[in-house]
Amino acid sequence: MPTKRLNWIPLMTAALALAAFAVHSEELHFTAKLSGTAQLPEPTNSKATGELNLTVPDGGKKISYTLTVTDLQNATTAELHLGSPTINGPVIFKLFPAHGATAKKGAFSGVLAEGTITAADMLGPMAGSPLSDLIDELRAGNAYLNIHTNDGMDPPESGPGDYRKGEIRGQITMK
């Protein structure tokens, strides 16, 4: 009888190892819903909305992102910032324009930006940091996305889609 019990030990060890690997290798997903009401220091009356989806594949060597917007006017930049929901923080990654994209003049709905973030891409206080530091900030809810717009006319913030300080914003949370 003792021989049969010993046969279970390797099987149990293998099962525990696989369970630990499955937990460690799980993808992480984050999202942000963007609106003018979340903009700081004062909300905007923008009708534009947006959604940012972030995926951290197994291993955490990159973060894939897709930024979709609806009814956005004159998009100039979309930037990932460090900061809580109540403060404006420093830029740590520029999602748009990137990879040859240029500002969007006029109304736009659809995918504004998509790509990947690696440690080498990070800016400001995150420059030179491992990507795991950014992932920790995302888990802590300490990052947001802000989209700026500009109609190209003076004075600033004078026409449709002209929010140089930021039009829509969304805090990033874990799905």
C-alpha atoms as a PDB file:
ATOM      1  CA  MET A   1       0.000   0.000   0.000  1.00  0.00           C
ATOM      2  CA  PRO A   2       2.750   2.576   0.717  1.00  0.00           C
ATOM      3  CA  THR A   3       3.958   2.177  -2.882  1.00  0.00           C
ATOM      4  CA  LYS A   4       0.630   3.426  -4.272  1.00  0.00           C
ATOM      5  CA  ARG A   5       0.762   6.562  -2.102  1.00  0.00           C
ATOM      6  CA  LEU A   6       4.254   7.388  -3.344  1.00  0.00           C
ATOM      7  CA  ASN A   7       2.997   7.251  -6.941  1.00  0.00           C
ATOM      8  CA  TRP A   8       0.736  10.215  -6.215  1.00  0.00           C
ATOM      9  CA  ILE A   9       3.528  12.478  -4.990  1.00  0.00           C
ATOM     10  CA  PRO A  10       5.014  13.189  -8.459  1.00  0.00           C
ATOM     11  CA  LEU A  11       1.523  13.707  -9.883  1.00  0.00           C
ATOM     12  CA  MET A  12       0.583  16.172  -7.145  1.00  0.00           C
ATOM     13  CA  THR A  13       3.884  18.006  -7.542  1.00  0.00           C
ATOM     14  CA  ALA A  14       3.322  18.335 -11.294  1.00  0.00           C
ATOM     15  CA  ALA A  15      -0.263  19.535 -10.783  1.00  0.00           C
ATOM     16  CA  LEU A  16       0.852  22.211  -8.301  1.00  0.00           C
ATOM     17  CA  ALA A  17       3.621  23.369 -10.632  1.00  0.00           C
ATOM     18  CA  LEU A  18       1.164  23.676 -13.537  1.00  0.00           C
ATOM     19  CA  ALA A  19      -1.307  25.597 -11.376  1.00  0.00           C
ATOM     20  CA  ALA A  20       1.415  28.033 -10.288  1.00  0.00           C
ATOM     21  CA  PHE A  21       2.531  28.484 -13.903  1.00  0.00           C
ATOM     22  CA  ALA A  22      -1.053  29.141 -15.052  1.00  0.00           C
ATOM     23  CA  VAL A  23      -1.500  31.910 -12.465  1.00  0.00           C
ATOM     24  CA  HIS A  24       1.866  33.474 -13.348  1.00  0.00           C
ATOM     25  CA  SER A  25       1.345  33.361 -17.112  1.00  0.00           C
ATOM     26  CA  GLU A  26      -2.064  35.018 -17.178  1.00  0.00           C
ATOM     27  CA  GLU A  27      -2.590  38.052 -19.420  1.00  0.00           C
ATOM     28  CA  LEU A  28      -3.480  41.315 -17.710  1.00  0.00           C
ATOM     29  CA  HIS A  29      -6.164  43.615 -19.124  1.00  0.00           C
ATOM     30  CA  PHE A  30      -6.730  47.294 -18.353  1.00  0.00           C
ATOM     31  CA  THR A  31      -9.225  49.805 -19.698  1.00  0.00           C
ATOM     32  CA  ALA A  32     -10.105  53.494 -19.522  1.00  0.00           C
ATOM     33  CA  LYS A  33     -13.361  55.162 -20.527  1.00  0.00           C
ATOM     34  CA  LEU A  34     -12.652  58.706 -21.700  1.00  0.00           C
ATOM     35  CA  SER A  35     -15.013  61.667 -21.438  1.00  0.00           C
ATOM     36  CA  GLY A  36     -14.977  65.415 -20.996  1.00  0.00           C
ATOM     37  CA  THR A  37     -16.410  65.124 -17.485  1.00  0.00           C
ATOM     38  CA  ALA A  38     -13.177  63.486 -16.274  1.00  0.00           C
ATOM     39  CA  GLN A  39     -10.972  66.304 -17.620  1.00  0.00           C
ATOM     40  CA  LEU A  40      -8.940  68.323 -15.086  1.00  0.00           C
ATOM     41  CA  PRO A  41      -8.696  70.971 -13.792  1.00  0.00           C
ATOM     42  CA  GLU A  42     -12.200  71.590 -15.143  1.00  0.00           C
ATOM     43  CA  PRO A  43     -14.508  69.225 -17.031  1.00  0.00           C
ATOM     44  CA  THR A  44     -15.208  70.040 -20.679  1.00  0.00           C
ATOM     45  CA  ASN A  45     -18.553  69.973 -22.439  1.00  0.00           C
ATOM     46  CA  SER A  46     -17.144  67.722 -25.166  1.00  0.00           C
ATOM     47  CA  LYS A  47     -19.483  65.221 -26.754  1.00  0.00           C
ATOM     48  CA  ALA A  48     -16.449  63.084 -27.638  1.00  0.00           C
ATOM     49  CA  THR A  49     -15.856  59.770 -25.887  1.00  0.00           C
ATOM     50  CA  GLY A  50     -13.132  57.198 -26.065  1.00  0.00           C
ATOM     51  CA  GLU A  51     -11.945  53.851 -24.804  1.00  0.00           C
ATOM     52  CA  LEU A  52      -8.410  52.658 -24.216  1.00  0.00           C
ATOM     53  CA  ASN A  53      -7.727  48.934 -23.949  1.00  0.00           C
ATOM     54  CA  LEU A  54      -4.362  47.666 -22.718  1.00  0.00           C
ATOM     55  CA  THR A  55      -3.212  44.049 -22.737  1.00  0.00           C
ATOM     56  CA  VAL A  56      -0.092  42.779 -21.010  1.00  0.00           C
ATOM     57  CA  PRO A  57       0.705  39.384 -22.531  1.00  0.00           C
ATOM     58  CA  ASP A  58       2.395  36.610 -20.605  1.00  0.00           C
ATOM     59  CA  GLY A  59       5.864  37.684 -19.580  1.00  0.00           C
ATOM     60  CA  GLY A  60       5.156  41.425 -19.392  1.00  0.00           C
ATOM     61  CA  LYS A  61       7.755  42.432 -22.007  1.00  0.00           C
ATOM     62  CA  LYS A  62       5.299  44.739 -23.813  1.00  0.00           C
ATOM     63  CA  ILE A  63       1.872  46.300 -23.452  1.00  0.00           C
ATOM     64  CA  SER A  64      -0.449  46.260 -26.466  1.00  0.00           C
ATOM     65  CA  TYR A  65      -2.930  49.117 -26.774  1.00  0.00           C
ATOM     66  CA  THR A  66      -5.935  50.150 -28.845  1.00  0.00           C
ATOM     67  CA  LEU A  67      -7.463  53.617 -28.502  1.00  0.00           C
ATOM     68  CA  THR A  68     -10.906  54.107 -30.046  1.00  0.00           C
ATOM     69  CA  VAL A  69     -12.767  57.428 -30.086  1.00  0.00           C
ATOM     70  CA  THR A  70     -16.194  58.695 -31.111  1.00  0.00           C
ATOM     71  CA  ASP A  71     -17.040  62.237 -32.242  1.00  0.00           C
ATOM     72  CA  LEU A  72     -13.579  63.631 -31.526  1.00  0.00           C
ATOM     73  CA  GLN A  73     -12.755  66.930 -33.258  1.00  0.00           C
ATOM     74  CA  ASN A  74      -9.210  67.914 -34.309  1.00  0.00           C
ATOM     75  CA  ALA A  75      -7.170  65.343 -32.372  1.00  0.00           C
ATOM     76  CA  THR A  76      -3.571  66.451 -31.830  1.00  0.00           C
ATOM     77  CA  THR A  77      -2.159  64.186 -29.096  1.00  0.00           C
ATOM     78  CA  ALA A  78      -3.113  61.237 -26.916  1.00  0.00           C
ATOM     79  CA  GLU A  79      -0.785  60.736 -23.963  1.00  0.00           C
ATOM     80  CA  LEU A  80      -0.481  58.302 -21.091  1.00  0.00           C
ATOM     81  CA  HIS A  81       0.177  60.108 -17.805  1.00  0.00           C
ATOM     82  CA  LEU A  82       1.053  59.074 -14.259  1.00  0.00           C
ATOM     83  CA  GLY A  83      -1.522  60.345 -11.794  1.00  0.00           C
ATOM     84  CA  SER A  84      -4.552  59.646  -9.685  1.00  0.00           C
ATOM     85  CA  PRO A  85      -8.072  60.638 -10.767  1.00  0.00           C
ATOM     86  CA  THR A  86      -7.733  63.980  -8.948  1.00  0.00           C
ATOM     87  CA  ILE A  87      -4.394  65.296 -10.265  1.00  0.00           C
ATOM     88  CA  ASN A  88      -2.631  66.028 -13.522  1.00  0.00           C
ATOM     89  CA  GLY A  89       0.633  64.132 -13.810  1.00  0.00           C
ATOM     90  CA  PRO A  90       3.610  63.850 -16.132  1.00  0.00           C
ATOM     91  CA  VAL A  91       3.509  62.271 -19.600  1.00  0.00           C
ATOM     92  CA  ILE A  92       5.035  58.795 -19.682  1.00  0.00           C
ATOM     93  CA  PHE A  93       4.086  57.603 -23.195  1.00  0.00           C
ATOM     94  CA  LYS A  94       2.707  59.196 -26.361  1.00  0.00           C
ATOM     95  CA  LEU A  95       0.101  57.019 -28.121  1.00  0.00           C
ATOM     96  CA  PHE A  96      -0.833  59.533 -30.806  1.00  0.00           C
ATOM     97  CA  PRO A  97       0.544  60.753 -33.110  1.00  0.00           C
ATOM     98  CA  ALA A  98       3.020  57.913 -33.542  1.00  0.00           C
ATOM     99  CA  HIS A  99       4.370  55.665 -36.273  1.00  0.00           C
ATOM    100  CA  GLY A 100       3.978  58.328 -38.969  1.00  0.00           C
ATOM    101  CA  ALA A 101       0.434  59.345 -37.967  1.00  0.00           C
ATOM    102  CA  THR A 102      -0.458  63.028 -38.010  1.00  0.00           C
ATOM    103  CA  ALA A 103      -3.055  65.136 -36.225  1.00  0.00           C
ATOM    104  CA  LYS A 104      -6.661  64.458 -37.290  1.00  0.00           C
ATOM    105  CA  LYS A 105      -8.312  67.585 -38.656  1.00  0.00           C
ATOM    106  CA  GLY A 106     -12.081  67.677 -38.292  1.00  0.00           C
ATOM    107  CA  ALA A 107     -14.424  65.046 -36.871  1.00  0.00           C
ATOM    108  CA  PHE A 108     -13.088  61.548 -36.291  1.00  0.00           C
ATOM    109  CA  SER A 109     -14.576  58.301 -35.002  1.00  0.00           C
ATOM    110  CA  GLY A 110     -12.714  55.006 -34.985  1.00  0.00           C
ATOM    111  CA  VAL A 111      -9.320  53.633 -33.966  1.00  0.00           C
ATOM    112  CA  LEU A 112      -7.130  56.657 -33.264  1.00  0.00           C
ATOM    113  CA  ALA A 113      -4.070  54.664 -32.202  1.00  0.00           C
ATOM    114  CA  GLU A 114      -2.858  51.126 -31.718  1.00  0.00           C
ATOM    115  CA  GLY A 115       0.525  49.620 -31.037  1.00  0.00           C
ATOM    116  CA  THR A 116       2.783  48.433 -28.245  1.00  0.00           C
ATOM    117  CA  ILE A 117       4.625  49.973 -25.329  1.00  0.00           C
ATOM    118  CA  THR A 118       8.037  48.674 -24.272  1.00  0.00           C
ATOM    119  CA  ALA A 119      10.395  49.887 -21.555  1.00  0.00           C
ATOM    120  CA  ALA A 120      12.432  51.734 -24.209  1.00  0.00           C
ATOM    121  CA  ASP A 121       9.350  53.820 -25.164  1.00  0.00           C
ATOM    122  CA  MET A 122       8.678  55.338 -21.759  1.00  0.00           C
ATOM    123  CA  LEU A 123       9.191  59.055 -21.139  1.00  0.00           C
ATOM    124  CA  GLY A 124       9.528  61.459 -18.222  1.00  0.00           C
ATOM    125  CA  PRO A 125       9.844  59.923 -14.777  1.00  0.00           C
ATOM    126  CA  MET A 126       9.419  56.413 -16.231  1.00  0.00           C
ATOM    127  CA  ALA A 127      12.289  56.753 -18.753  1.00  0.00           C
ATOM    128  CA  GLY A 128      14.881  54.065 -18.092  1.00  0.00           C
ATOM    129  CA  SER A 129      12.536  52.092 -15.815  1.00  0.00           C
ATOM    130  CA  PRO A 130      11.586  48.476 -16.416  1.00  0.00           C
ATOM    131  CA  LEU A 131       8.130  47.926 -17.901  1.00  0.00           C
ATOM    132  CA  SER A 132       7.161  46.159 -14.678  1.00  0.00           C
ATOM    133  CA  ASP A 133       7.199  49.592 -12.967  1.00  0.00           C
ATOM    134  CA  LEU A 134       4.534  50.859 -15.375  1.00  0.00           C
ATOM    135  CA  ILE A 135       2.505  47.672 -14.914  1.00  0.00           C
ATOM    136  CA  ASP A 136       2.643  48.248 -11.129  1.00  0.00           C
ATOM    137  CA  GLU A 137       1.363  51.819 -11.624  1.00  0.00           C
ATOM    138  CA  LEU A 138      -1.468  50.527 -13.839  1.00  0.00           C
ATOM    139  CA  ARG A 139      -2.453  47.951 -11.214  1.00  0.00           C
ATOM    140  CA  ALA A 140      -2.476  50.684  -8.558  1.00  0.00           C
ATOM    141  CA  GLY A 141      -4.825  52.842 -10.678  1.00  0.00           C
ATOM    142  CA  ASN A 142      -2.160  55.512 -10.936  1.00  0.00           C
ATOM    143  CA  ALA A 143      -2.290  56.239 -14.686  1.00  0.00           C
ATOM    144  CA  TYR A 144      -4.683  57.951 -17.073  1.00  0.00           C
ATOM    145  CA  LEU A 145      -5.033  58.833 -20.742  1.00  0.00           C
ATOM    146  CA  ASN A 146      -5.621  62.376 -21.938  1.00  0.00           C
ATOM    147  CA  ILE A 147      -6.498  63.431 -25.494  1.00  0.00           C
ATOM    148  CA  HIS A 148      -5.783  66.992 -26.615  1.00  0.00           C
ATOM    149  CA  THR A 149      -7.410  68.758 -29.545  1.00  0.00           C
ATOM    150  CA  ASN A 150      -6.789  72.017 -31.381  1.00  0.00           C
ATOM    151  CA  ASP A 151      -8.705  73.665 -34.201  1.00  0.00           C
ATOM    152  CA  GLY A 152      -5.601  75.589 -35.220  1.00  0.00           C
ATOM    153  CA  MET A 153      -7.284  78.966 -34.773  1.00  0.00           C
ATOM    154  CA  ASP A 154      -6.527  81.692 -32.260  1.00  0.00           C
ATOM    155  CA  PRO A 155      -7.596  82.384 -29.613  1.00  0.00           C
ATOM    156  CA  PRO A 156      -7.123  78.996 -27.947  1.00  0.00           C
ATOM    157  CA  GLU A 157     -10.198  77.016 -26.983  1.00  0.00           C
ATOM    158  CA  SER A 158     -12.402  79.104 -29.237  1.00  0.00           C
ATOM    159  CA  GLY A 159     -14.045  76.610 -31.564  1.00  0.00           C
ATOM    160  CA  PRO A 160     -15.252  73.040 -32.004  1.00  0.00           C
ATOM    161  CA  GLY A 161     -12.703  70.543 -30.822  1.00  0.00           C
ATOM    162  CA  ASP A 162     -10.286  73.169 -29.533  1.00  0.00           C
ATOM    163  CA  TYR A 163      -9.196  71.968 -26.100  1.00  0.00           C
ATOM    164  CA  ARG A 164      -5.448  72.436 -26.004  1.00  0.00           C
ATOM    165  CA  LYS A 165      -5.324  71.614 -22.285  1.00  0.00           C
ATOM    166  CA  GLY A 166      -7.160  68.355 -22.950  1.00  0.00           C
ATOM    167  CA  GLU A 167     -10.612  67.432 -24.190  1.00  0.00           C
ATOM    168  CA  ILE A 168     -11.295  63.969 -22.826  1.00  0.00           C
ATOM    169  CA  ARG A 169      -9.639  61.938 -20.098  1.00  0.00           C
ATOM    170  CA  GLY A 170     -10.016  58.512 -18.522  1.00  0.00           C
ATOM    171  CA  GLN A 171      -8.443  56.803 -15.543  1.00  0.00           C
ATOM    172  CA  ILE A 172      -6.993  53.366 -16.307  1.00  0.00           C
ATOM    173  CA  THR A 173      -8.390  50.476 -14.286  1.00  0.00           C
ATOM    174  CA  MET A 174      -7.839  46.729 -14.294  1.00  0.00           C
ATOM    175  CA  LYS A 175     -10.530  44.697 -16.060  1.00  0.00           C
END
